[in-house]
Amino acid sequence: MPDIRVATGEAGGPVLRYLLSGGRVATVDAAAGARSTAVSPSAVAAAFAPGARTLAVSPAGAGPVLSDPVSGARLGPSLGGTPAGALAFASDGRTLASVPYASVSHASVSRPDEARGSGDTATVSLSLWSVPDGRPLRRIPIARAASVGGLAAGGHVLAAAPVAGDYEPVRVWDLSSGLEVPVPRRTGWDVMAVSPDGRVLVVGGRDATLVDLVAGTSTGRPFGPVLDGVRSIAFSPDGSVIATGFHEAGVALWDARTLRRAGTLAPEKGRFDDVVALAYSPDGRLIATGGTSGEVRLWDAAARSPLGLPYAVHAGPVLALAFGADGRYLYSAGKDGTLRRYTMDPQRAAAEVCARAGGGLGDDDWRRLVPEAPYRKVC
C-alpha cells in the first residue's frame, strides 16, 4: 500500500503526496492554500498596515477603501472621491497617507529620468486618514509639484517623492509633530522604504539612494549600478537587512550597516519575474516576493532558497504583500482588485484542505487525480 497523505507544500499551500513505483513522489496541489476575496473591481494602488491589520486599496475610479484582511469585509465608505496613486500606513497602523492618482507609476517608469509629468507646478496635497474609521485628519500641501510618485512610512516619519516634470528631491515629515524634517536633497522615486525605527530611508530606481535621517547624510547608489532599477524594497523586522527586488534579476540582500551584499534570492533555473513587492515574516525567517505576472513566492531567508513553486494567483501585478502579526498567514493584494490569503501553518493548512474537500477525495476525484494508487481515506 503506497504512503498517501495530506501535507503542506514547500510554498505553504496544502498538497496531496503519494509514492509512485521506483521511489518517485507525486504531488497534487490541493489549491486550498490561498483564499481569494474581491475587494475592488481593479486597483491602482494598495498597502497593508503593519501585521496586515488593515488593507487599503484604491480603485481606478474612486477613493481608497479600507478592508479587514482576515474577513475581507469593507470597513467603511471610500476615503474621498479621488483615486490614490500611492498609499502608506504609519507604523502603528492607525494613520493612512494617500496622494492623488497621476500618470506616473513604477509599473511604467523604470528610472527617474523617464518620469515626465505635465509640467504643472500647482500644489498637490498629501492626505492623512484615521484608521479604521476613515476620518480625514489633515492635508499636507506639497508646493511646486504636479504629482507624487511614491510614499513610505516607518517609525514616526513619512516620506514622499514629488514629481514636477521630473522627480524632485524627497520630502520627509515627522508624523508625531506634523513638521517637515530637513533631509539631504536626493531625488525620490515611486519605490521607497523607511526602516522600522524611522532612522533610514531607501529610495529605489536606477539611481538608488540611502538617506540617514538622523545624521542628515546620504549615500548614492548604495547597491552599486543597477541597469533596470530597484523595483521593490523591504527592511527585515530588526532593520539589519535590506532586501531589494529587481527586474528579472531576483532579490539582493544587503547588510544595512555596511551595505555589503549578504546574499541573493534567485530560482534554480528559468526566467525570474519582475519583483515589485517584498515582505518579511515577523520572525524574519521567510521572505515573500510578488511579481508583475501575479505570482507570489516564498523564500527561506537564511538559506536564500525558494520554498516550493510560486503561487500563480493574481491576474496582473502584485501591488502589496504582508504577513499577519502572528506569521500564520501571508496576504497579497493585486492590480486585479483581489485580496489573497495563504496559510503558513502546516496543521492549519492540512485541516483547511480536508475541510474544503468535504472530508477527503471521493472515489471519482481520486481516480482522476491519483490514478496510480488505490483509494485511501486521507482526511
Protein backbone atom coordinates (compact mmCIF):
# COMPACT_ATOMS: atom_id res chain seq x y z
CA MET A 1 0.00 0.00 0.00
CA PRO A 2 1.57 3.34 -1.03
CA ASP A 3 2.03 6.07 1.59
CA ILE A 4 -0.63 8.68 0.80
CA ARG A 5 -1.12 11.74 2.97
CA VAL A 6 -2.26 15.34 3.08
CA ALA A 7 0.69 17.59 3.85
CA THR A 8 1.81 21.18 3.42
CA GLY A 9 3.74 22.09 0.30
CA GLU A 10 7.02 23.96 0.42
CA ALA A 11 5.22 27.18 -0.52
CA GLY A 12 2.85 26.86 2.42
CA GLY A 13 -0.11 25.51 0.46
CA PRO A 14 -1.70 22.11 1.21
CA VAL A 15 -0.89 19.29 -1.18
CA LEU A 16 -1.63 15.60 -1.58
CA ARG A 17 1.53 13.47 -1.75
CA TYR A 18 1.83 9.81 -2.67
CA LEU A 19 4.61 7.39 -3.56
CA LEU A 20 4.94 6.04 -7.09
CA SER A 21 6.84 3.00 -8.28
CA GLY A 22 10.59 3.39 -8.28
CA GLY A 23 10.57 5.60 -5.22
CA ARG A 24 9.23 8.69 -7.00
CA VAL A 25 6.93 11.05 -5.06
CA ALA A 26 3.94 12.58 -6.82
CA THR A 27 2.44 15.83 -5.53
CA VAL A 28 -1.05 17.14 -6.25
CA ASP A 29 -1.73 20.79 -5.39
CA ALA A 30 -4.98 20.82 -3.46
CA ALA A 31 -5.45 24.54 -4.23
CA ALA A 32 -6.66 25.34 -0.73
CA GLY A 33 -3.63 27.28 0.43
CA ALA A 34 -4.97 30.56 -0.94
CA ARG A 35 -8.30 32.20 -0.19
CA SER A 36 -9.45 34.90 -2.60
CA THR A 37 -11.70 37.89 -1.88
CA ALA A 38 -12.65 40.60 -4.37
CA VAL A 39 -12.26 43.94 -2.62
CA SER A 40 -12.39 46.13 -5.74
CA PRO A 41 -13.10 45.69 -9.48
CA SER A 42 -9.47 46.72 -10.05
CA ALA A 43 -6.77 48.63 -8.22
CA VAL A 44 -4.14 51.26 -8.99
CA ALA A 45 -2.54 51.22 -5.53
CA ALA A 46 -2.64 49.09 -2.39
CA ALA A 47 -0.93 48.91 1.01
CA PHE A 48 -1.16 46.79 4.13
CA ALA A 49 -0.87 48.14 7.65
CA PRO A 50 1.92 46.51 9.71
CA GLY A 51 0.90 43.00 10.72
CA ALA A 52 -1.69 43.04 7.90
CA ARG A 53 -4.22 44.55 10.31
CA THR A 54 -5.83 46.65 7.55
CA LEU A 55 -5.72 46.73 3.75
CA ALA A 56 -6.10 49.96 1.78
CA VAL A 57 -6.92 49.65 -1.93
CA SER A 58 -7.54 52.44 -4.40
CA PRO A 59 -9.82 51.60 -7.34
CA ALA A 60 -9.20 53.38 -10.64
CA GLY A 61 -12.40 55.44 -10.43
CA ALA A 62 -12.98 56.11 -6.74
CA GLY A 63 -11.26 56.98 -3.49
CA PRO A 64 -9.34 54.40 -1.44
CA VAL A 65 -11.27 51.82 0.56
CA LEU A 66 -10.26 50.08 3.80
CA SER A 67 -10.82 46.35 4.31
CA ASP A 68 -10.21 43.76 7.01
CA PRO A 69 -7.70 41.27 5.51
CA VAL A 70 -8.93 38.45 7.75
CA SER A 71 -12.58 38.61 6.72
CA GLY A 72 -12.23 40.62 3.52
CA ALA A 73 -15.04 42.88 4.76
CA ARG A 74 -15.04 46.53 3.81
CA LEU A 75 -14.60 48.85 6.81
CA GLY A 76 -16.49 51.88 5.57
CA PRO A 77 -17.11 54.25 2.66
CA SER A 78 -14.44 55.44 0.24
CA LEU A 79 -11.90 57.91 1.58
CA GLY A 80 -12.78 60.93 -0.53
CA GLY A 81 -13.69 60.73 -4.20
CA THR A 82 -10.24 60.82 -5.79
CA PRO A 83 -8.26 57.67 -6.64
CA ALA A 84 -4.91 57.42 -4.85
CA GLY A 85 -1.72 56.86 -6.76
CA ALA A 86 0.21 55.83 -3.65
CA LEU A 87 -0.71 54.67 -0.15
CA ALA A 88 1.28 54.15 3.05
CA PHE A 89 0.34 53.24 6.62
CA ALA A 90 2.08 54.70 9.64
CA SER A 91 3.99 52.18 11.75
CA ASP A 92 1.19 51.97 14.34
CA GLY A 93 -1.36 51.21 11.60
CA ARG A 94 -3.68 53.96 12.81
CA THR A 95 -2.93 56.53 10.10
CA LEU A 96 -3.05 56.14 6.32
CA ALA A 97 -1.37 58.54 3.91
CA SER A 98 -2.60 58.94 0.33
CA VAL A 99 -1.81 61.10 -2.68
CA PRO A 100 -3.95 61.70 -5.79
CA TYR A 101 -3.51 59.30 -8.68
CA ALA A 102 -1.35 60.54 -11.56
CA SER A 103 0.10 59.01 -14.69
CA VAL A 104 3.48 58.32 -13.07
CA SER A 105 3.82 54.82 -11.61
CA HIS A 106 6.61 52.30 -11.08
CA ALA A 107 4.77 49.85 -13.32
CA SER A 108 5.50 52.03 -16.34
CA VAL A 109 8.54 54.07 -15.30
CA SER A 110 11.85 52.30 -14.77
CA ARG A 111 14.05 55.20 -13.74
CA PRO A 112 13.69 58.79 -12.52
CA ASP A 113 14.83 60.43 -15.74
CA GLU A 114 11.97 58.71 -17.59
CA ALA A 115 9.34 60.36 -15.42
CA ARG A 116 7.69 63.24 -17.20
CA GLY A 117 4.71 64.99 -15.68
CA SER A 118 2.58 67.69 -17.19
CA GLY A 119 4.97 70.41 -16.08
CA ASP A 120 2.25 71.94 -13.92
CA THR A 121 3.67 73.28 -10.66
CA ALA A 122 0.42 73.63 -8.75
CA THR A 123 0.33 72.45 -5.17
CA VAL A 124 -0.50 68.79 -4.56
CA SER A 125 -1.88 67.69 -1.18
CA LEU A 126 -0.93 64.63 0.80
CA SER A 127 -3.94 63.41 2.80
CA LEU A 128 -3.83 61.70 6.20
CA TRP A 129 -6.75 59.49 7.31
CA SER A 130 -7.67 57.88 10.61
CA VAL A 131 -7.77 54.06 10.57
CA PRO A 132 -10.07 52.18 10.71
CA ASP A 133 -12.86 54.79 10.81
CA GLY A 134 -11.61 56.70 7.76
CA ARG A 135 -11.87 60.19 9.27
CA PRO A 136 -9.82 62.85 7.45
CA LEU A 137 -7.07 64.06 9.79
CA ARG A 138 -5.15 66.67 7.84
CA ARG A 139 -3.81 67.64 4.44
CA ILE A 140 -0.16 68.43 3.82
CA PRO A 141 0.41 70.73 0.83
CA ILE A 142 3.42 69.95 -1.38
CA ALA A 143 4.13 73.12 -3.36
CA ARG A 144 5.55 73.16 -6.89
CA ALA A 145 4.63 69.52 -7.56
CA ALA A 146 2.39 68.16 -10.32
CA SER A 147 2.00 64.81 -8.54
CA VAL A 148 3.62 62.49 -6.00
CA GLY A 149 5.28 59.33 -7.27
CA GLY A 150 5.65 57.32 -4.07
CA LEU A 151 5.12 57.22 -0.31
CA ALA A 152 6.88 55.37 2.50
CA ALA A 153 6.46 55.33 6.27
CA GLY A 154 8.34 53.83 9.20
CA GLY A 155 8.93 54.69 12.82
CA HIS A 156 7.44 58.16 13.20
CA VAL A 157 8.29 59.51 9.73
CA LEU A 158 6.57 59.74 6.35
CA ALA A 159 8.45 60.27 3.07
CA ALA A 160 7.03 61.46 -0.26
CA ALA A 161 8.53 61.71 -3.76
CA PRO A 162 7.17 64.83 -5.51
CA VAL A 163 7.10 64.99 -9.31
CA ALA A 164 7.23 68.21 -11.34
CA GLY A 165 8.30 67.26 -14.85
CA ASP A 166 10.98 65.02 -13.28
CA TYR A 167 11.24 63.53 -9.83
CA GLU A 168 12.06 66.19 -7.27
CA PRO A 169 14.03 65.85 -4.01
CA VAL A 170 12.31 63.62 -1.49
CA ARG A 171 10.33 65.29 1.33
CA VAL A 172 10.02 63.88 4.87
CA TRP A 173 7.65 64.70 7.74
CA ASP A 174 7.59 63.77 11.42
CA LEU A 175 4.11 62.32 11.97
CA SER A 176 4.31 62.95 15.71
CA SER A 177 4.82 66.70 15.40
CA GLY A 178 3.50 67.24 11.88
CA LEU A 179 6.65 69.17 10.99
CA GLU A 180 8.78 68.66 7.91
CA VAL A 181 12.20 67.13 8.57
CA PRO A 182 15.20 68.62 6.75
CA VAL A 183 16.99 65.94 4.71
CA PRO A 184 19.72 65.93 2.05
CA ARG A 185 18.48 66.87 -1.42
CA ARG A 186 18.14 63.47 -3.05
CA THR A 187 15.74 62.58 -5.85
CA GLY A 188 12.77 60.47 -4.81
CA TRP A 189 11.07 57.67 -6.74
CA ASP A 190 7.93 55.55 -6.80
CA VAL A 191 9.59 52.81 -4.72
CA MET A 192 10.84 53.82 -1.25
CA ALA A 193 11.07 52.27 2.20
CA VAL A 194 11.74 53.55 5.72
CA SER A 195 13.44 51.37 8.34
CA PRO A 196 11.28 50.11 11.23
CA ASP A 197 12.87 52.60 13.63
CA GLY A 198 12.40 55.50 11.20
CA ARG A 199 16.11 56.30 11.03
CA VAL A 200 16.89 55.30 7.42
CA LEU A 201 15.16 56.00 4.10
CA VAL A 202 15.96 53.96 0.99
CA VAL A 203 14.91 55.25 -2.43
CA GLY A 204 14.72 52.83 -5.36
CA GLY A 205 15.06 53.39 -9.06
CA ARG A 206 18.12 53.30 -11.28
CA ASP A 207 19.97 55.84 -9.12
CA ALA A 208 19.04 54.40 -5.73
CA THR A 209 19.85 56.38 -2.59
CA LEU A 210 20.15 55.65 1.13
CA VAL A 211 19.45 58.57 3.47
CA ASP A 212 20.40 58.56 7.16
CA LEU A 213 17.56 60.67 8.54
CA VAL A 214 19.28 61.13 11.91
CA ALA A 215 22.75 62.09 10.73
CA GLY A 216 21.41 64.03 7.74
CA THR A 217 23.74 62.24 5.30
CA SER A 218 23.11 60.24 2.15
CA THR A 219 24.79 57.54 0.09
CA GLY A 220 24.27 57.47 -3.66
CA ARG A 221 23.94 54.13 -5.44
CA PRO A 222 24.32 52.10 -2.23
CA PHE A 223 23.60 48.88 -4.15
CA GLY A 224 26.01 49.56 -7.00
CA PRO A 225 24.99 50.26 -10.61
CA VAL A 226 21.57 48.76 -11.34
CA LEU A 227 20.65 48.54 -15.02
CA ASP A 228 16.88 48.38 -14.65
CA GLY A 229 16.45 49.95 -11.23
CA VAL A 230 15.45 48.79 -7.78
CA ARG A 231 11.78 47.79 -8.17
CA SER A 232 10.89 46.96 -4.55
CA ILE A 233 12.43 47.41 -1.09
CA ALA A 234 11.82 45.86 2.33
CA PHE A 235 13.65 46.00 5.65
CA SER A 236 13.95 42.93 7.85
CA PRO A 237 11.93 43.23 11.10
CA ASP A 238 15.02 44.23 13.08
CA GLY A 239 16.22 46.60 10.35
CA SER A 240 19.54 44.79 9.92
CA VAL A 241 18.94 43.64 6.32
CA ILE A 242 17.63 45.49 3.27
CA ALA A 243 16.00 43.39 0.54
CA THR A 244 15.86 44.89 -2.96
CA GLY A 245 13.88 43.43 -5.85
CA PHE A 246 14.98 43.83 -9.44
CA HIS A 247 13.70 43.40 -12.97
CA GLU A 248 14.33 39.75 -13.91
CA ALA A 249 17.37 39.65 -11.63
CA GLY A 250 15.92 38.29 -8.41
CA VAL A 251 16.31 39.82 -4.97
CA ALA A 252 19.51 41.03 -3.31
CA LEU A 253 20.00 41.11 0.46
CA TRP A 254 22.23 43.82 1.93
CA ASP A 255 23.74 44.41 5.35
CA ALA A 256 22.01 47.64 6.40
CA ARG A 257 25.05 48.83 8.35
CA THR A 258 27.88 48.08 5.91
CA LEU A 259 25.79 47.99 2.69
CA ARG A 260 27.68 44.85 1.69
CA ARG A 261 25.78 42.24 -0.27
CA ALA A 262 24.75 39.43 2.08
CA GLY A 263 23.02 37.12 -0.38
CA THR A 264 20.79 36.68 -3.40
CA LEU A 265 17.37 35.10 -3.89
CA ALA A 266 17.07 33.56 -7.34
CA PRO A 267 15.38 30.42 -8.69
CA GLU A 268 17.47 27.49 -9.77
CA LYS A 269 16.63 27.96 -13.43
CA GLY A 270 14.32 29.80 -15.76
CA ARG A 271 13.18 33.39 -16.10
CA PHE A 272 12.67 35.35 -12.89
CA ASP A 273 9.58 37.51 -12.56
CA ASP A 274 9.92 41.27 -12.15
CA VAL A 275 9.87 41.60 -8.34
CA VAL A 276 7.63 44.55 -7.49
CA ALA A 277 6.55 43.58 -3.94
CA LEU A 278 8.51 42.29 -0.93
CA ALA A 279 7.66 41.37 2.67
CA TYR A 280 9.42 39.74 5.64
CA SER A 281 7.67 37.41 8.08
CA PRO A 282 7.53 38.75 11.67
CA ASP A 283 10.38 36.47 12.79
CA GLY A 284 12.48 37.33 9.71
CA ARG A 285 12.74 33.69 8.63
CA LEU A 286 10.62 34.00 5.48
CA ILE A 287 10.59 36.47 2.61
CA ALA A 288 7.64 36.80 0.26
CA THR A 289 8.03 38.21 -3.25
CA GLY A 290 5.38 39.33 -5.71
CA GLY A 291 5.81 39.88 -9.43
CA THR A 292 4.26 41.68 -12.36
CA SER A 293 2.89 38.35 -13.61
CA GLY A 294 0.78 37.95 -10.45
CA GLU A 295 2.97 35.26 -8.90
CA VAL A 296 3.68 35.13 -5.17
CA ARG A 297 6.68 33.16 -3.95
CA LEU A 298 8.11 32.23 -0.55
CA TRP A 299 11.81 32.07 0.35
CA ASP A 300 13.89 30.82 3.23
CA ALA A 301 15.73 33.99 4.29
CA ALA A 302 18.67 32.19 5.94
CA ALA A 303 19.18 29.53 3.27
CA ARG A 304 18.49 32.03 0.43
CA SER A 305 16.42 29.33 -1.26
CA PRO A 306 12.88 29.21 -2.70
CA LEU A 307 10.25 27.25 -0.80
CA GLY A 308 8.38 25.33 -3.47
CA LEU A 309 6.83 26.64 -6.65
CA PRO A 310 5.27 30.11 -6.85
CA TYR A 311 1.58 30.73 -6.37
CA ALA A 312 0.17 32.00 -9.70
CA VAL A 313 -2.72 33.84 -8.13
CA HIS A 314 -3.30 37.41 -9.37
CA ALA A 315 -4.44 38.40 -12.86
CA GLY A 316 -1.90 41.18 -13.09
CA PRO A 317 0.88 42.66 -10.96
CA VAL A 318 1.08 42.16 -7.20
CA LEU A 319 0.72 45.56 -5.53
CA ALA A 320 1.36 44.71 -1.86
CA LEU A 321 2.36 41.86 0.44
CA ALA A 322 2.24 41.45 4.23
CA PHE A 323 2.41 38.70 6.84
CA GLY A 324 -0.04 38.65 9.70
CA ALA A 325 1.33 39.67 13.08
CA ASP A 326 1.50 36.04 14.25
CA GLY A 327 3.06 34.81 10.99
CA ARG A 328 0.35 32.21 10.38
CA TYR A 329 -0.93 33.87 7.18
CA LEU A 330 0.53 35.77 4.24
CA TYR A 331 -1.66 38.28 2.42
CA SER A 332 -1.34 39.75 -1.07
CA ALA A 333 -3.25 42.44 -2.96
CA GLY A 334 -3.16 42.69 -6.74
CA LYS A 335 -3.99 45.07 -9.52
CA ASP A 336 -6.92 42.75 -10.28
CA GLY A 337 -8.60 44.03 -7.09
CA THR A 338 -8.35 40.74 -5.21
CA LEU A 339 -7.08 40.02 -1.72
CA ARG A 340 -5.42 36.62 -1.26
CA ARG A 341 -4.63 34.79 1.96
CA TYR A 342 -2.11 31.94 2.23
CA THR A 343 -1.86 29.58 5.17
CA MET A 344 1.64 29.26 6.61
CA ASP A 345 0.89 26.84 9.47
CA PRO A 346 1.17 23.17 8.31
CA GLN A 347 -1.51 21.72 10.59
CA ARG A 348 -3.94 24.52 9.79
CA ALA A 349 -3.27 24.11 6.05
CA ALA A 350 -3.94 20.36 6.23
CA ALA A 351 -7.17 20.98 8.14
CA GLU A 352 -8.27 23.56 5.57
CA VAL A 353 -7.70 21.30 2.58
CA CYS A 354 -9.65 18.48 4.28
CA ALA A 355 -12.48 20.85 5.18
CA ARG A 356 -12.70 22.24 1.65
CA ALA A 357 -12.60 18.73 0.21
CA GLY A 358 -15.58 17.81 2.38
CA GLY A 359 -13.63 15.26 4.41
CA GLY A 360 -11.37 13.97 1.64
CA LEU A 361 -11.41 13.00 -2.03
CA GLY A 362 -14.28 10.89 -3.32
CA ASP A 363 -13.79 7.81 -5.49
CA ASP A 364 -14.20 9.72 -8.77
CA ASP A 365 -11.84 12.55 -7.81
CA TRP A 366 -9.29 10.05 -6.50
CA ARG A 367 -9.27 8.11 -9.78
CA ARG A 368 -8.86 11.37 -11.70
CA LEU A 369 -6.10 12.86 -9.55
CA VAL A 370 -4.35 9.75 -8.20
CA PRO A 371 -4.83 7.04 -10.84
CA GLU A 372 -1.63 5.20 -9.90
CA ALA A 373 -2.78 4.26 -6.37
CA PRO A 374 -5.80 2.50 -4.86
CA TYR A 375 -8.30 4.65 -2.98
CA ARG A 376 -7.49 5.57 0.60
CA LYS A 377 -9.22 7.94 3.03
CA VAL A 378 -6.71 10.67 3.93
CA CYS A 379 -8.82 13.13 5.98
